[in-house]
């Protein structure tokens, strides 16, 4: 029975870590949507109206961020947009890892070390997930989209 409990705990922690790393990109839209939800709720919109406003704002924030990142050519602007998505994920990652480490790490120093490492990894994951899936395309009006000399996917992806 003890072995089953340990295996289920490991599986639960692994599932939770996978969920944190998967949802890291959505930290900024979540925070924006939560703030809009709270403002709408306090202004008298009701729970249903505030939820609709928060969800819509979250979706619009994510769409605007990804579209702006994909359309801009400037490396500096792309880095700023990626940082806007990665900083809230980093803060959320720090808090999650710090709270999770309280269950098994008695030393405050080691909890801080683990929380900082978790923040770096989760923020880096958010940065990578935003940047790796988006490739800029030239905005030449004289060429058709299908006649690009360099394909969007790399050669390694075609070999698989």
N, C-alpha and C. Protein backbone atom coordinates (compact mmCIF):
# COMPACT_ATOMS: atom_id res chain seq x y z
N UNK A 1 0.82 -1.19 0.00
CA UNK A 1 0.00 0.00 0.00
C UNK A 1 0.87 1.26 0.00
N UNK A 2 2.00 1.19 0.69
CA UNK A 2 2.90 2.34 0.74
C UNK A 2 3.50 2.63 -0.63
N UNK A 3 3.84 1.58 -1.36
CA UNK A 3 4.42 1.74 -2.70
C UNK A 3 3.41 2.38 -3.63
N UNK A 4 2.15 1.95 -3.55
CA UNK A 4 1.10 2.53 -4.38
C UNK A 4 0.91 4.02 -4.08
N UNK A 5 0.95 4.37 -2.81
CA UNK A 5 0.83 5.78 -2.43
C UNK A 5 1.97 6.61 -2.95
N UNK A 6 3.19 6.08 -2.87
CA UNK A 6 4.36 6.80 -3.39
C UNK A 6 4.27 6.96 -4.90
N UNK A 7 3.85 5.91 -5.60
CA UNK A 7 3.72 6.01 -7.06
C UNK A 7 2.64 7.02 -7.46
N UNK A 8 1.53 7.02 -6.74
CA UNK A 8 0.48 7.99 -7.05
C UNK A 8 0.92 9.43 -6.74
N UNK A 9 1.71 9.61 -5.69
CA UNK A 9 2.24 10.95 -5.38
C UNK A 9 3.19 11.42 -6.47
N UNK A 10 4.04 10.54 -6.95
CA UNK A 10 4.97 10.90 -8.02
C UNK A 10 4.20 11.23 -9.29
N UNK A 11 3.18 10.42 -9.59
CA UNK A 11 2.38 10.70 -10.78
C UNK A 11 1.63 12.02 -10.65
N UNK A 12 1.11 12.31 -9.47
CA UNK A 12 0.41 13.58 -9.25
C UNK A 12 1.32 14.79 -9.37
N UNK A 13 2.50 14.69 -8.80
CA UNK A 13 3.47 15.79 -8.89
C UNK A 13 3.92 15.96 -10.34
N UNK A 14 4.14 14.85 -11.05
CA UNK A 14 4.52 14.94 -12.46
C UNK A 14 3.43 15.57 -13.30
N UNK A 15 2.17 15.22 -13.04
CA UNK A 15 1.05 15.81 -13.76
C UNK A 15 0.95 17.30 -13.47
N UNK A 16 1.14 17.67 -12.22
CA UNK A 16 1.08 19.08 -11.84
C UNK A 16 2.21 19.87 -12.50
N UNK A 17 3.42 19.31 -12.53
CA UNK A 17 4.54 19.99 -13.19
C UNK A 17 4.28 20.14 -14.69
N UNK A 18 3.77 19.09 -15.32
CA UNK A 18 3.44 19.17 -16.74
C UNK A 18 2.40 20.27 -16.99
N UNK A 19 1.41 20.36 -16.13
CA UNK A 19 0.37 21.37 -16.28
C UNK A 19 0.95 22.78 -16.12
N UNK A 20 1.83 22.98 -15.16
CA UNK A 20 2.46 24.29 -14.95
C UNK A 20 3.28 24.69 -16.18
N UNK A 21 4.08 23.78 -16.70
CA UNK A 21 4.91 24.11 -17.86
C UNK A 21 4.07 24.31 -19.11
N UNK A 22 2.97 23.58 -19.25
CA UNK A 22 2.10 23.73 -20.42
C UNK A 22 1.36 25.06 -20.39
N UNK A 23 0.90 25.46 -19.23
CA UNK A 23 0.09 26.68 -19.12
C UNK A 23 0.90 27.93 -18.83
N UNK A 24 2.22 27.85 -18.87
CA UNK A 24 3.06 29.00 -18.53
C UNK A 24 2.84 30.18 -19.48
N UNK A 25 2.59 29.92 -20.75
CA UNK A 25 2.39 31.00 -21.72
C UNK A 25 1.12 31.81 -21.41
N UNK A 26 0.17 31.18 -20.78
CA UNK A 26 -1.12 31.82 -20.55
C UNK A 26 -1.19 32.61 -19.25
N UNK A 27 -0.07 32.85 -18.58
CA UNK A 27 -0.09 33.58 -17.32
C UNK A 27 -0.49 35.04 -17.53
N UNK A 28 0.07 35.71 -18.54
CA UNK A 28 -0.30 37.11 -18.79
C UNK A 28 -1.77 37.25 -19.17
N UNK A 29 -2.29 36.47 -20.13
CA UNK A 29 -3.73 36.59 -20.41
C UNK A 29 -4.60 36.26 -19.20
N UNK A 30 -4.18 35.32 -18.36
CA UNK A 30 -4.94 34.99 -17.17
C UNK A 30 -4.98 36.17 -16.20
N UNK A 31 -3.82 36.80 -15.97
CA UNK A 31 -3.77 37.95 -15.06
C UNK A 31 -4.60 39.11 -15.59
N UNK A 32 -4.53 39.38 -16.89
CA UNK A 32 -5.32 40.45 -17.49
C UNK A 32 -6.81 40.14 -17.37
N UNK A 33 -7.18 38.90 -17.68
CA UNK A 33 -8.58 38.50 -17.58
C UNK A 33 -9.09 38.54 -16.15
N UNK A 34 -8.26 38.15 -15.20
CA UNK A 34 -8.66 38.20 -13.79
C UNK A 34 -8.86 39.63 -13.33
N UNK A 35 -7.99 40.54 -13.75
CA UNK A 35 -8.15 41.95 -13.37
C UNK A 35 -9.42 42.54 -13.99
N UNK A 36 -9.69 42.22 -15.25
CA UNK A 36 -10.91 42.71 -15.88
C UNK A 36 -12.14 42.12 -15.20
N UNK A 37 -12.07 40.84 -14.84
CA UNK A 37 -13.17 40.20 -14.12
C UNK A 37 -13.45 40.93 -12.80
N UNK A 38 -12.40 41.21 -12.05
CA UNK A 38 -12.59 41.88 -10.75
C UNK A 38 -13.11 43.30 -10.93
N UNK A 39 -12.60 44.03 -11.93
CA UNK A 39 -13.09 45.39 -12.17
C UNK A 39 -14.55 45.37 -12.60
N UNK A 40 -14.92 44.43 -13.46
CA UNK A 40 -16.30 44.34 -13.91
C UNK A 40 -17.21 43.90 -12.77
N UNK A 41 -16.73 43.02 -11.93
CA UNK A 41 -17.53 42.57 -10.80
C UNK A 41 -17.77 43.70 -9.81
N UNK A 42 -16.76 44.50 -9.55
CA UNK A 42 -16.90 45.61 -8.62
C UNK A 42 -17.69 46.77 -9.21
N UNK A 43 -17.79 46.83 -10.53
CA UNK A 43 -18.57 47.91 -11.13
C UNK A 43 -20.04 47.54 -11.29
N UNK A 44 -20.42 46.32 -10.90
CA UNK A 44 -21.83 45.95 -10.90
C UNK A 44 -22.26 45.12 -12.09
N UNK A 45 -21.34 44.46 -12.79
CA UNK A 45 -21.70 43.68 -13.97
C UNK A 45 -22.30 42.33 -13.59
N UNK A 46 -22.14 41.88 -12.38
CA UNK A 46 -22.61 40.56 -11.98
C UNK A 46 -21.57 39.51 -12.30
N UNK A 47 -21.75 38.33 -11.75
CA UNK A 47 -20.76 37.28 -11.93
C UNK A 47 -20.71 36.79 -13.38
N UNK A 48 -21.87 36.60 -13.99
CA UNK A 48 -21.91 36.10 -15.36
C UNK A 48 -21.30 37.11 -16.34
N UNK A 49 -21.68 38.37 -16.22
CA UNK A 49 -21.14 39.40 -17.10
C UNK A 49 -19.66 39.62 -16.89
N UNK A 50 -19.22 39.58 -15.63
CA UNK A 50 -17.80 39.76 -15.33
C UNK A 50 -16.98 38.58 -15.87
N UNK A 51 -17.54 37.37 -15.79
CA UNK A 51 -16.83 36.21 -16.32
C UNK A 51 -16.70 36.29 -17.84
N UNK A 52 -17.77 36.72 -18.51
CA UNK A 52 -17.72 36.88 -19.97
C UNK A 52 -16.67 37.92 -20.34
N UNK A 53 -16.66 39.05 -19.62
CA UNK A 53 -15.69 40.11 -19.91
C UNK A 53 -14.26 39.63 -19.66
N UNK A 54 -14.02 38.90 -18.58
CA UNK A 54 -12.69 38.40 -18.27
C UNK A 54 -12.20 37.39 -19.29
N UNK A 55 -13.06 36.46 -19.69
CA UNK A 55 -12.67 35.45 -20.67
C UNK A 55 -12.39 36.09 -22.02
N UNK A 56 -13.26 37.02 -22.42
CA UNK A 56 -13.05 37.70 -23.70
C UNK A 56 -11.75 38.50 -23.70
N UNK A 57 -11.48 39.18 -22.60
CA UNK A 57 -10.25 39.96 -22.52
C UNK A 57 -9.02 39.06 -22.53
N UNK A 58 -9.10 37.92 -21.87
CA UNK A 58 -7.97 36.97 -21.90
C UNK A 58 -7.69 36.49 -23.31
N UNK A 59 -8.73 36.13 -24.03
CA UNK A 59 -8.56 35.67 -25.41
C UNK A 59 -8.00 36.74 -26.32
N UNK A 60 -8.50 37.96 -26.15
CA UNK A 60 -8.02 39.08 -26.97
C UNK A 60 -6.55 39.37 -26.64
N UNK A 61 -6.19 39.32 -25.36
CA UNK A 61 -4.80 39.57 -24.97
C UNK A 61 -3.86 38.54 -25.59
N UNK A 62 -4.24 37.28 -25.53
CA UNK A 62 -3.41 36.24 -26.12
C UNK A 62 -3.31 36.40 -27.63
N UNK A 63 -4.43 36.69 -28.28
CA UNK A 63 -4.43 36.85 -29.74
C UNK A 63 -3.60 38.05 -30.17
N UNK A 64 -3.74 39.17 -29.49
CA UNK A 64 -2.97 40.36 -29.82
C UNK A 64 -1.47 40.12 -29.60
N UNK A 65 -1.13 39.48 -28.50
CA UNK A 65 0.29 39.22 -28.21
C UNK A 65 0.92 38.31 -29.24
N UNK A 66 0.25 37.22 -29.59
CA UNK A 66 0.83 36.30 -30.56
C UNK A 66 0.85 36.89 -31.96
N UNK A 67 -0.17 37.66 -32.32
CA UNK A 67 -0.19 38.30 -33.63
C UNK A 67 0.90 39.36 -33.74
N UNK A 68 1.03 40.18 -32.70
CA UNK A 68 2.08 41.21 -32.72
C UNK A 68 3.46 40.57 -32.76
N UNK A 69 3.64 39.48 -32.05
CA UNK A 69 4.94 38.80 -32.06
C UNK A 69 5.24 38.22 -33.43
N UNK A 70 4.24 37.67 -34.09
CA UNK A 70 4.45 37.05 -35.40
C UNK A 70 4.66 38.07 -36.50
N UNK A 71 4.05 39.24 -36.37
CA UNK A 71 4.10 40.22 -37.46
C UNK A 71 5.28 41.18 -37.40
N UNK A 72 5.85 41.36 -36.25
CA UNK A 72 6.95 42.33 -36.14
C UNK A 72 8.26 41.70 -36.60
N UNK A 73 9.10 42.53 -37.18
CA UNK A 73 10.42 42.08 -37.63
C UNK A 73 11.51 42.49 -36.65
N UNK A 74 11.25 43.48 -35.84
CA UNK A 74 12.25 43.99 -34.92
C UNK A 74 12.51 43.00 -33.79
N UNK A 75 13.78 42.69 -33.58
CA UNK A 75 14.16 41.76 -32.53
C UNK A 75 13.87 42.36 -31.16
N UNK A 76 14.05 43.66 -31.03
CA UNK A 76 13.83 44.31 -29.74
C UNK A 76 12.35 44.26 -29.37
N UNK A 77 11.47 44.54 -30.31
CA UNK A 77 10.03 44.50 -30.02
C UNK A 77 9.59 43.07 -29.73
N UNK A 78 10.14 42.11 -30.45
CA UNK A 78 9.82 40.71 -30.18
C UNK A 78 10.27 40.30 -28.79
N UNK A 79 11.45 40.78 -28.38
CA UNK A 79 11.94 40.46 -27.04
C UNK A 79 11.06 41.10 -25.97
N UNK A 80 10.59 42.31 -26.22
CA UNK A 80 9.70 42.98 -25.26
C UNK A 80 8.38 42.22 -25.14
N UNK A 81 7.81 41.81 -26.26
CA UNK A 81 6.55 41.07 -26.23
C UNK A 81 6.74 39.73 -25.53
N UNK A 82 7.83 39.03 -25.83
CA UNK A 82 8.10 37.76 -25.17
C UNK A 82 8.32 37.95 -23.67
N UNK A 83 8.98 39.04 -23.30
CA UNK A 83 9.19 39.32 -21.88
C UNK A 83 7.88 39.63 -21.17
N UNK A 84 6.95 40.30 -21.87
CA UNK A 84 5.64 40.57 -21.27
C UNK A 84 4.90 39.27 -20.96
N UNK A 85 5.12 38.24 -21.74
CA UNK A 85 4.49 36.95 -21.47
C UNK A 85 5.30 36.13 -20.47
N UNK A 86 6.62 36.29 -20.47
CA UNK A 86 7.47 35.45 -19.62
C UNK A 86 7.55 35.94 -18.18
N UNK A 87 7.46 37.24 -17.94
CA UNK A 87 7.60 37.75 -16.57
C UNK A 87 6.46 37.28 -15.66
N UNK A 88 5.19 37.37 -16.06
CA UNK A 88 4.15 36.81 -15.18
C UNK A 88 4.28 35.30 -14.98
N UNK A 89 4.73 34.59 -16.01
CA UNK A 89 4.95 33.15 -15.86
C UNK A 89 6.08 32.88 -14.88
N UNK A 90 7.11 33.72 -14.90
CA UNK A 90 8.21 33.56 -13.96
C UNK A 90 7.75 33.79 -12.53
N UNK A 91 6.96 34.84 -12.32
CA UNK A 91 6.44 35.11 -10.97
C UNK A 91 5.52 33.99 -10.49
N UNK A 92 4.66 33.51 -11.37
CA UNK A 92 3.77 32.41 -11.00
C UNK A 92 4.57 31.14 -10.73
N UNK A 93 5.60 30.89 -11.53
CA UNK A 93 6.45 29.72 -11.31
C UNK A 93 7.17 29.77 -9.98
N UNK A 94 7.66 30.95 -9.62
CA UNK A 94 8.32 31.10 -8.32
C UNK A 94 7.36 30.76 -7.19
N UNK A 95 6.15 31.31 -7.25
CA UNK A 95 5.18 31.09 -6.17
C UNK A 95 4.77 29.61 -6.09
N UNK A 96 4.55 28.99 -7.24
CA UNK A 96 4.11 27.59 -7.24
C UNK A 96 5.20 26.68 -6.68
N UNK A 97 6.42 26.87 -7.13
CA UNK A 97 7.50 26.01 -6.65
C UNK A 97 7.79 26.28 -5.18
N UNK A 98 7.69 27.51 -4.74
CA UNK A 98 7.93 27.82 -3.33
C UNK A 98 6.89 27.14 -2.45
N UNK A 99 5.64 27.20 -2.84
CA UNK A 99 4.58 26.56 -2.05
C UNK A 99 4.70 25.04 -2.10
N UNK A 100 5.01 24.49 -3.28
CA UNK A 100 5.15 23.04 -3.40
C UNK A 100 6.34 22.52 -2.59
N UNK A 101 7.41 23.32 -2.48
CA UNK A 101 8.58 22.86 -1.75
C UNK A 101 8.37 22.90 -0.24
N UNK A 102 7.36 23.59 0.24
CA UNK A 102 7.09 23.62 1.67
C UNK A 102 6.66 22.25 2.19
N UNK A 103 6.15 21.40 1.31
CA UNK A 103 5.70 20.08 1.74
C UNK A 103 6.86 19.14 2.05
N UNK A 104 8.00 19.34 1.39
CA UNK A 104 9.07 18.36 1.56
C UNK A 104 10.42 18.95 1.93
N UNK A 105 10.60 20.25 1.87
CA UNK A 105 11.90 20.85 2.16
C UNK A 105 11.78 21.70 3.41
N UNK A 106 12.41 21.31 4.51
CA UNK A 106 12.26 22.08 5.75
C UNK A 106 13.08 23.37 5.79
N UNK A 107 14.16 23.46 5.04
CA UNK A 107 15.05 24.61 5.10
C UNK A 107 14.52 25.74 4.20
N UNK A 108 14.44 26.94 4.76
CA UNK A 108 13.97 28.09 4.00
C UNK A 108 14.93 28.46 2.88
N UNK A 109 16.23 28.28 3.11
CA UNK A 109 17.23 28.61 2.10
C UNK A 109 17.06 27.71 0.87
N UNK A 110 16.87 26.41 1.12
CA UNK A 110 16.70 25.50 -0.01
C UNK A 110 15.37 25.71 -0.71
N UNK A 111 14.33 26.11 0.03
CA UNK A 111 13.05 26.44 -0.63
C UNK A 111 13.22 27.61 -1.57
N UNK A 112 13.98 28.63 -1.13
CA UNK A 112 14.24 29.79 -1.99
C UNK A 112 15.05 29.39 -3.23
N UNK A 113 16.04 28.51 -3.03
CA UNK A 113 16.85 28.05 -4.16
C UNK A 113 15.98 27.32 -5.17
N UNK A 114 15.15 26.39 -4.69
CA UNK A 114 14.26 25.65 -5.58
C UNK A 114 13.25 26.56 -6.25
N UNK A 115 12.74 27.54 -5.51
CA UNK A 115 11.76 28.47 -6.09
C UNK A 115 12.40 29.32 -7.18
N UNK A 116 13.63 29.76 -6.97
CA UNK A 116 14.31 30.56 -8.01
C UNK A 116 14.61 29.71 -9.24
N UNK A 117 15.04 28.47 -9.04
CA UNK A 117 15.27 27.59 -10.18
C UNK A 117 13.97 27.30 -10.93
N UNK A 118 12.90 27.08 -10.19
CA UNK A 118 11.60 26.86 -10.83
C UNK A 118 11.13 28.07 -11.60
N UNK A 119 11.36 29.26 -11.05
CA UNK A 119 10.98 30.48 -11.75
C UNK A 119 11.76 30.63 -13.05
N UNK A 120 13.04 30.31 -13.02
CA UNK A 120 13.85 30.40 -14.23
C UNK A 120 13.37 29.41 -15.28
N UNK A 121 13.12 28.19 -14.86
CA UNK A 121 12.68 27.16 -15.82
C UNK A 121 11.31 27.46 -16.39
N UNK A 122 10.38 27.87 -15.55
CA UNK A 122 9.01 28.12 -16.04
C UNK A 122 8.97 29.39 -16.88
N UNK A 123 9.69 30.43 -16.49
CA UNK A 123 9.77 31.63 -17.33
C UNK A 123 10.44 31.35 -18.66
N UNK A 124 11.50 30.54 -18.63
CA UNK A 124 12.17 30.16 -19.87
C UNK A 124 11.26 29.33 -20.77
N UNK A 125 10.44 28.49 -20.16
CA UNK A 125 9.49 27.70 -20.94
C UNK A 125 8.47 28.59 -21.62
N UNK A 126 7.96 29.58 -20.89
CA UNK A 126 6.99 30.50 -21.49
C UNK A 126 7.64 31.27 -22.64
N UNK A 127 8.86 31.74 -22.44
CA UNK A 127 9.59 32.46 -23.48
C UNK A 127 9.78 31.57 -24.70
N UNK A 128 10.22 30.34 -24.49
CA UNK A 128 10.49 29.43 -25.59
C UNK A 128 9.22 29.04 -26.33
N UNK A 129 8.15 28.76 -25.60
CA UNK A 129 6.91 28.36 -26.25
C UNK A 129 6.34 29.48 -27.10
N UNK A 130 6.55 30.71 -26.70
CA UNK A 130 6.06 31.83 -27.50
C UNK A 130 6.94 32.05 -28.72
N UNK A 131 8.25 31.90 -28.56
CA UNK A 131 9.15 32.24 -29.66
C UNK A 131 9.39 31.10 -30.63
N UNK A 132 9.36 29.86 -30.18
CA UNK A 132 9.75 28.76 -31.07
C UNK A 132 8.66 28.41 -32.07
N UNK A 133 7.42 28.63 -31.74
CA UNK A 133 6.33 28.27 -32.63
C UNK A 133 6.00 29.34 -33.64
N UNK A 134 6.60 30.50 -33.52
CA UNK A 134 6.29 31.60 -34.41
C UNK A 134 7.53 31.97 -35.20
N UNK A 135 7.40 32.00 -36.49
CA UNK A 135 8.51 32.41 -37.35
C UNK A 135 8.03 33.58 -38.20
N UNK A 136 8.84 34.61 -38.27
CA UNK A 136 8.45 35.76 -39.07
C UNK A 136 8.50 35.40 -40.54
N UNK A 137 7.61 35.99 -41.28
CA UNK A 137 7.57 35.79 -42.72
C UNK A 137 7.78 37.12 -43.39
N UNK A 138 8.44 37.13 -44.52
CA UNK A 138 8.65 38.40 -45.22
C UNK A 138 7.32 38.98 -45.69
N UNK A 139 7.23 40.30 -45.63
CA UNK A 139 6.00 40.98 -46.02
C UNK A 139 6.14 41.59 -47.41
N UNK A 140 6.70 40.85 -48.35
CA UNK A 140 6.84 41.32 -49.72
C UNK A 140 5.52 41.13 -50.45
N UNK A 141 5.00 42.19 -51.02
CA UNK A 141 3.72 42.08 -51.72
C UNK A 141 3.87 41.51 -53.12
N UNK A 142 5.10 41.46 -53.65
CA UNK A 142 5.31 40.98 -55.00
C UNK A 142 5.36 39.47 -55.10
N UNK A 143 5.51 38.77 -53.97
CA UNK A 143 5.61 37.32 -54.01
C UNK A 143 4.37 36.69 -53.41
N UNK A 144 4.05 35.54 -53.92
CA UNK A 144 2.95 34.79 -53.34
C UNK A 144 3.44 34.10 -52.08
N UNK A 145 2.53 33.80 -51.18
CA UNK A 145 2.91 33.19 -49.92
C UNK A 145 3.47 31.80 -50.15
N UNK A 146 2.95 31.07 -51.09
CA UNK A 146 3.39 29.70 -51.32
C UNK A 146 4.72 29.60 -52.04
N UNK A 147 5.29 30.68 -52.54
CA UNK A 147 6.53 30.59 -53.30
C UNK A 147 7.74 31.04 -52.50
N UNK A 148 7.70 30.87 -51.19
CA UNK A 148 8.86 31.23 -50.38
C UNK A 148 10.00 30.28 -50.68
N UNK A 149 11.22 30.81 -50.87
CA UNK A 149 12.35 29.93 -51.15
C UNK A 149 12.74 29.11 -49.93
N UNK A 150 12.48 29.60 -48.72
CA UNK A 150 12.83 28.87 -47.50
C UNK A 150 11.53 28.50 -46.80
N UNK A 151 11.26 27.21 -46.59
CA UNK A 151 10.01 26.82 -45.94
C UNK A 151 10.02 27.20 -44.47
N UNK A 152 8.82 27.29 -43.91
CA UNK A 152 8.69 27.66 -42.50
C UNK A 152 9.19 26.54 -41.61
N UNK A 153 8.91 25.30 -41.95
CA UNK A 153 9.40 24.17 -41.16
C UNK A 153 10.85 23.88 -41.54
N UNK A 154 11.59 23.41 -40.59
CA UNK A 154 12.99 23.09 -40.85
C UNK A 154 13.09 21.74 -41.53
N UNK A 155 14.27 21.46 -42.02
CA UNK A 155 14.49 20.17 -42.69
C UNK A 155 14.37 19.02 -41.72
N UNK A 156 14.72 19.24 -40.45
CA UNK A 156 14.62 18.17 -39.45
C UNK A 156 13.18 17.76 -39.23
N UNK A 157 12.25 18.69 -39.33
CA UNK A 157 10.85 18.36 -39.14
C UNK A 157 10.33 17.54 -40.31
N UNK A 158 10.86 17.76 -41.50
CA UNK A 158 10.42 17.00 -42.67
C UNK A 158 10.94 15.56 -42.66
N UNK A 159 12.08 15.32 -42.01
CA UNK A 159 12.67 14.00 -42.01
C UNK A 159 11.95 13.05 -41.05
N UNK A 160 11.18 13.57 -40.14
CA UNK A 160 10.52 12.71 -39.14
C UNK A 160 9.38 12.00 -39.71
